Amino acid sequence: MHAELILDARNATGESPVWHPREQALYWVDIPARRLHRWRLADGASQSWEADEMIACIARREDGRGGGWIAGMQSGVFQLQPGDDGRLQSTRLAPVEHAVPAMRFNDGRCDRQGRFWAGTMLLDMAAGARVGALYRFDGESGPLTARLGDFIVPNGLAFSPDGTRMYLSDSHPEVQAIWAFDYDTDSGIPYNRRLFVDMREFPGRPDGAAVDEDGCYWICGNDAGLVHRFTPDGRLDRSLAVPVKKPAMCAFGGPGLATLFVTSIRPAGDLSDQPLAGGLFALSPGVKGLEEPVFRG
């Protein structure tokens, strides 16, 4: 299956792609560049906006509640509104009290009921410190409360089509595991954690993920240039290649949600063997995705 280059974005860390159905556009972030990007399907035009601190993950807000975005950043959860001046107007909705200094949010998204979930990590990933935690933001004021902990790099957050199963991974080389949880849709509480996939048995570290309409779990195999599809019982169904080593996160979008968009990372150093690193790609996986929930807090 051929991966199409949509935009040679050269993102340092392209993450959190989200399809905006009304605009027929894909939004995503470049974490260290502190930028929110948009690519429009109609004309292929791209645009970006800069924030005051690193943006790690985003979710759309309901248009009837002002629109814009909810974002996990460095110091908490923010409301973001793209401005005409190329800047993101930001309002911090809930601060986070990190376990140690020099941390930020990483992967995150809304559950099917519109609650925003996001995990934190130490900026120095190589340190392997288990100081990361998973937080839920429902719209309440005050500091966020950690719901799960003991992670190095929490990643791969996703929910089954009916919302009763939550997926979460840790992409650090020492862990490389994907877990499944039962999820109480009324209370927003995950429980019954168990190993879903041991990614040490497959190429690539588990990075960002998406779920398709069949309930299968797609996850980027970072360092392997692959996007894997696992069935709900944890069986590898297929692996699709992208022309870069570090695909970061995938999201369904486009007409009928039949396109799988993939963001990627552009590492420092010699890139002669992967000149498109940091680009945005599109795959035609043969299955359709689900519309991403909007924040309703």
Protein backbone atom coordinates (compact mmCIF):
# COMPACT_ATOMS: atom_id res chain seq x y z
CA MET A 1 0.00 0.00 0.00
CA HIS A 2 1.47 3.33 -1.10
CA ALA A 3 1.67 6.21 1.37
CA GLU A 4 0.97 9.58 -0.22
CA LEU A 5 2.88 12.63 0.98
CA ILE A 6 0.26 15.26 1.82
CA LEU A 7 2.61 17.93 3.13
CA ASP A 8 6.37 18.09 3.53
CA ALA A 9 5.81 19.71 6.91
CA ARG A 10 9.24 18.95 8.39
CA ASN A 11 7.73 18.79 11.86
CA ALA A 12 10.18 18.12 14.66
CA THR A 13 7.44 16.12 16.42
CA GLY A 14 4.20 16.01 14.44
CA GLU A 15 1.45 14.74 16.73
CA SER A 16 -2.27 14.64 17.55
CA PRO A 17 -3.90 14.75 14.10
CA VAL A 18 -7.64 15.50 14.32
CA TRP A 19 -10.04 15.65 11.37
CA HIS A 20 -12.43 18.61 11.39
CA PRO A 21 -15.50 17.40 9.43
CA ARG A 22 -17.19 20.77 8.97
CA GLU A 23 -14.03 22.40 7.64
CA GLN A 24 -12.91 19.24 5.78
CA ALA A 25 -9.46 19.89 7.18
CA LEU A 26 -6.85 18.11 9.25
CA TYR A 27 -5.36 19.80 12.31
CA TRP A 28 -2.27 18.59 14.16
CA VAL A 29 0.57 19.95 16.29
CA ASP A 30 4.35 20.18 16.22
CA ILE A 31 5.16 19.87 19.90
CA PRO A 32 8.58 21.56 20.32
CA ALA A 33 7.73 24.22 17.71
CA ARG A 34 4.65 25.18 19.79
CA ARG A 35 2.53 25.22 16.64
CA LEU A 36 -0.95 24.14 15.58
CA HIS A 37 -1.17 23.24 11.88
CA ARG A 38 -4.08 22.92 9.48
CA TRP A 39 -4.27 21.31 6.02
CA ARG A 40 -7.41 21.76 3.93
CA LEU A 41 -8.65 19.01 1.64
CA ALA A 42 -10.32 21.32 -0.91
CA ASP A 43 -7.21 23.20 -2.02
CA GLY A 44 -4.31 21.58 -0.17
CA ALA A 45 -3.57 24.87 1.58
CA SER A 46 -1.77 24.75 4.92
CA GLN A 47 -1.61 27.25 7.76
CA SER A 48 -0.16 27.31 11.27
CA TRP A 49 -0.47 29.24 14.51
CA GLU A 50 2.06 29.63 17.35
CA ALA A 51 1.37 29.20 21.06
CA ASP A 52 3.21 30.44 24.15
CA GLU A 53 4.21 26.95 25.26
CA MET A 54 4.45 23.48 23.77
CA ILE A 55 1.19 21.94 22.54
CA ALA A 56 1.11 18.16 22.84
CA CYS A 57 -2.48 17.05 22.13
CA ILE A 58 -5.72 18.63 20.99
CA ALA A 59 -9.46 17.98 20.84
CA ARG A 60 -12.15 20.06 19.19
CA ARG A 61 -14.58 22.07 21.30
CA GLU A 62 -18.26 22.09 20.40
CA ASP A 63 -19.03 24.88 17.96
CA GLY A 64 -22.00 25.90 20.08
CA ARG A 65 -19.65 26.54 22.99
CA GLY A 66 -17.26 28.84 21.21
CA GLY A 67 -15.45 26.34 19.04
CA GLY A 68 -11.68 26.28 19.02
CA TRP A 69 -9.63 23.63 20.76
CA ILE A 70 -8.87 22.01 24.09
CA ALA A 71 -5.17 21.26 24.45
CA GLY A 72 -2.78 19.53 26.81
CA MET A 73 0.31 21.74 26.96
CA GLN A 74 3.18 22.18 29.42
CA SER A 75 1.50 23.75 32.42
CA GLY A 76 -2.03 22.37 32.10
CA VAL A 77 -5.11 22.10 29.92
CA PHE A 78 -5.84 25.16 27.78
CA GLN A 79 -8.54 26.54 25.54
CA LEU A 80 -7.05 27.64 22.21
CA GLN A 81 -8.49 29.85 19.50
CA PRO A 82 -6.54 30.47 16.27
CA GLY A 83 -6.14 34.19 15.59
CA ASP A 84 -5.77 36.14 12.38
CA ASP A 85 -2.27 37.20 13.43
CA GLY A 86 -0.82 33.68 13.36
CA ARG A 87 -1.00 33.36 17.14
CA LEU A 88 -3.10 31.08 19.30
CA GLN A 89 -5.21 32.88 21.86
CA SER A 90 -4.84 30.71 24.95
CA THR A 91 -6.68 30.47 28.26
CA ARG A 92 -5.55 27.98 30.87
CA LEU A 93 -8.58 26.08 32.13
CA ALA A 94 -6.86 23.76 34.62
CA PRO A 95 -3.26 23.74 35.88
CA VAL A 96 -1.30 20.55 36.44
CA GLU A 97 1.04 19.93 39.36
CA HIS A 98 3.73 17.80 37.74
CA ALA A 99 5.58 15.21 39.82
CA VAL A 100 8.94 16.86 39.00
CA PRO A 101 10.05 19.92 37.00
CA ALA A 102 10.56 19.88 33.20
CA MET A 103 7.48 17.86 32.27
CA ARG A 104 4.73 18.35 29.68
CA PHE A 105 1.62 16.69 28.41
CA ASN A 106 1.98 14.13 25.65
CA ASP A 107 -0.76 12.07 23.99
CA GLY A 108 -4.45 12.79 24.62
CA ARG A 109 -8.00 12.88 23.26
CA CYS A 110 -11.66 12.87 24.30
CA ASP A 111 -13.59 9.77 25.29
CA ARG A 112 -16.89 9.06 23.50
CA GLN A 113 -18.74 11.18 26.08
CA GLY A 114 -16.55 14.24 25.47
CA ARG A 115 -14.23 14.10 28.51
CA PHE A 116 -10.64 15.10 27.73
CA TRP A 117 -7.91 12.64 28.71
CA ALA A 118 -4.17 13.31 28.45
CA GLY A 119 -0.93 11.90 29.83
CA THR A 120 2.26 13.60 31.01
CA MET A 121 5.94 12.78 30.60
CA LEU A 122 9.38 14.07 31.52
CA LEU A 123 10.93 16.15 28.73
CA ASP A 124 14.11 14.07 29.08
CA MET A 125 12.60 10.84 27.79
CA ALA A 126 15.98 9.11 27.89
CA ALA A 127 16.01 9.38 31.68
CA GLY A 128 13.35 6.67 31.86
CA ALA A 129 11.70 8.26 34.89
CA ARG A 130 8.31 6.80 35.83
CA VAL A 131 6.83 10.16 36.70
CA GLY A 132 4.16 10.29 33.96
CA ALA A 133 0.48 10.24 34.81
CA LEU A 134 -2.88 10.17 33.06
CA TYR A 135 -5.38 12.98 33.75
CA ARG A 136 -9.04 13.56 32.94
CA PHE A 137 -10.49 17.03 32.41
CA ASP A 138 -14.28 17.37 32.58
CA GLY A 139 -14.41 21.17 32.68
CA GLU A 140 -13.98 21.62 36.43
CA SER A 141 -11.79 24.39 37.79
CA GLY A 142 -8.75 23.79 39.97
CA PRO A 143 -5.65 21.62 39.53
CA LEU A 144 -6.00 18.38 37.62
CA THR A 145 -6.04 15.08 39.53
CA ALA A 146 -3.97 12.13 38.30
CA ARG A 147 -6.17 9.12 37.50
CA LEU A 148 -3.41 6.63 36.64
CA GLY A 149 0.34 6.79 37.21
CA ASP A 150 3.71 5.04 36.97
CA PHE A 151 4.28 5.79 33.27
CA ILE A 152 7.40 6.93 31.43
CA VAL A 153 5.79 8.02 28.14
CA PRO A 154 2.01 7.46 28.17
CA ASN A 155 0.77 7.19 24.61
CA GLY A 156 -1.64 5.43 22.27
CA LEU A 157 -4.79 6.60 24.03
CA ALA A 158 -7.98 5.48 22.24
CA PHE A 159 -11.52 4.27 22.90
CA SER A 160 -13.60 1.50 21.36
CA PRO A 161 -16.56 2.50 19.15
CA ASP A 162 -19.04 2.01 22.01
CA GLY A 163 -16.70 3.69 24.49
CA THR A 164 -16.58 0.76 26.91
CA ARG A 165 -12.91 -0.06 26.33
CA MET A 166 -9.95 2.28 26.73
CA TYR A 167 -6.49 1.67 25.27
CA LEU A 168 -3.24 3.13 26.57
CA SER A 169 0.42 2.44 25.85
CA ASP A 170 3.84 3.37 27.15
CA SER A 171 6.21 3.95 24.25
CA HIS A 172 9.45 4.06 26.22
CA PRO A 173 11.96 1.38 25.08
CA GLU A 174 11.94 -0.13 28.58
CA VAL A 175 8.17 -0.73 28.45
CA GLN A 176 6.71 -0.94 24.91
CA ALA A 177 3.34 -2.23 26.11
CA ILE A 178 -0.26 -1.53 25.14
CA TRP A 179 -2.96 -2.07 27.76
CA ALA A 180 -6.72 -2.39 27.52
CA PHE A 181 -9.09 -1.24 30.25
CA ASP A 182 -12.79 -1.65 30.78
CA TYR A 183 -14.29 1.84 30.83
CA ASP A 184 -17.32 3.00 32.77
CA THR A 185 -18.95 5.46 30.37
CA ASP A 186 -21.12 7.00 33.08
CA SER A 187 -18.36 7.81 35.58
CA GLY A 188 -15.43 8.05 33.18
CA ILE A 189 -13.38 5.55 35.21
CA PRO A 190 -11.09 2.94 33.60
CA TYR A 191 -10.64 -0.38 35.42
CA ASN A 192 -9.58 -4.00 34.88
CA ARG A 193 -6.26 -3.11 33.27
CA ARG A 194 -4.64 -5.94 31.31
CA LEU A 195 -1.93 -6.34 28.66
CA PHE A 196 -3.40 -5.97 25.18
CA VAL A 197 -0.23 -6.17 23.06
CA ASP A 198 3.43 -6.63 24.01
CA MET A 199 5.01 -4.44 21.35
CA ARG A 200 8.43 -5.94 21.97
CA GLU A 201 7.14 -8.79 19.79
CA PHE A 202 6.45 -6.45 16.85
CA PRO A 203 8.46 -3.86 14.89
CA GLY A 204 8.50 -0.37 16.36
CA ARG A 205 7.65 1.26 19.67
CA PRO A 206 3.95 2.02 20.29
CA ASP A 207 3.15 5.67 19.60
CA GLY A 208 -0.12 7.45 18.73
CA ALA A 209 -3.24 5.50 17.83
CA ALA A 210 -6.74 5.49 16.36
CA VAL A 211 -9.71 3.09 16.32
CA ASP A 212 -11.69 2.23 13.18
CA GLU A 213 -15.40 1.49 12.79
CA ASP A 214 -14.73 -2.24 13.22
CA GLY A 215 -13.21 -1.61 16.63
CA CYS A 216 -9.68 -2.41 15.47
CA TYR A 217 -6.80 -0.46 16.99
CA TRP A 218 -4.27 1.26 14.72
CA ILE A 219 -0.98 2.29 16.29
CA CYS A 220 2.16 3.84 14.84
CA GLY A 221 5.26 1.67 15.09
CA ASN A 222 7.83 4.36 15.87
CA ASP A 223 11.36 3.57 14.61
CA ALA A 224 9.93 0.92 12.24
CA GLY A 225 8.14 3.08 9.65
CA LEU A 226 4.93 1.10 10.09
CA VAL A 227 1.34 1.56 11.20
CA HIS A 228 -0.10 -1.63 12.73
CA ARG A 229 -3.74 -2.70 12.94
CA PHE A 230 -4.67 -4.97 15.84
CA THR A 231 -8.05 -6.67 16.18
CA PRO A 232 -9.97 -6.26 19.46
CA ASP A 233 -8.55 -9.59 20.67
CA GLY A 234 -4.97 -8.31 20.23
CA ARG A 235 -4.14 -10.09 16.95
CA LEU A 236 -2.00 -8.27 14.37
CA ASP A 237 -4.17 -7.88 11.29
CA ARG A 238 -1.89 -5.87 8.99
CA SER A 239 1.00 -3.40 8.90
CA LEU A 240 1.18 -0.47 6.49
CA ALA A 241 4.45 1.25 5.59
CA VAL A 242 5.26 4.95 5.50
CA PRO A 243 8.51 6.33 4.00
CA VAL A 244 9.89 7.59 7.32
CA LYS A 245 11.23 5.80 10.37
CA LYS A 246 9.20 7.60 13.01
CA PRO A 247 5.47 7.75 12.33
CA ALA A 248 4.01 9.41 15.40
CA MET A 249 0.20 9.30 15.34
CA CYS A 250 -2.61 8.39 12.97
CA ALA A 251 -6.17 9.65 12.49
CA PHE A 252 -9.04 8.88 10.15
CA GLY A 253 -10.43 11.66 7.99
CA GLY A 254 -11.28 12.72 4.48
CA PRO A 255 -14.43 11.74 2.56
CA GLY A 256 -16.27 9.02 4.46
CA LEU A 257 -13.43 8.92 7.01
CA ALA A 258 -11.73 6.45 4.66
CA THR A 259 -8.25 8.03 4.74
CA LEU A 260 -5.70 7.32 7.46
CA PHE A 261 -3.53 10.39 8.02
CA VAL A 262 -0.14 9.88 9.67
CA THR A 263 2.08 12.53 11.26
CA SER A 264 5.78 11.93 11.81
CA ILE A 265 8.95 13.02 13.59
CA ARG A 266 12.00 14.65 12.01
CA PRO A 267 14.99 13.68 14.17
CA ALA A 268 18.26 15.57 14.19
CA GLY A 269 21.16 14.24 12.16
CA ASP A 270 21.62 12.71 8.73
CA LEU A 271 18.27 12.30 6.99
CA SER A 272 19.54 11.20 3.59
CA ASP A 273 17.71 7.88 4.00
CA GLN A 274 14.43 9.56 5.02
CA PRO A 275 14.27 13.05 3.54
CA LEU A 276 10.50 13.26 4.14
CA ALA A 277 10.81 12.78 7.91
CA GLY A 278 8.44 15.11 9.72
CA GLY A 279 5.95 14.99 6.85
CA LEU A 280 2.21 14.37 6.82
CA PHE A 281 1.11 11.25 4.95
CA ALA A 282 -2.14 9.62 3.84
CA LEU A 283 -2.97 5.94 3.47
CA SER A 284 -6.05 4.20 2.05
CA PRO A 285 -6.43 1.36 4.56
CA GLY A 286 -9.64 -0.12 3.15
CA VAL A 287 -11.62 0.54 6.32
CA LYS A 288 -13.33 3.62 7.70
CA GLY A 289 -12.77 5.42 10.94
CA LEU A 290 -14.98 7.13 13.49
CA GLU A 291 -15.60 10.83 13.90
CA GLU A 292 -13.43 12.13 16.73
CA PRO A 293 -15.50 13.17 19.79
CA VAL A 294 -15.57 16.85 20.69
CA PHE A 295 -15.00 18.20 24.18
CA ARG A 296 -18.29 18.75 26.01
CA GLY A 297 -17.09 19.73 29.46
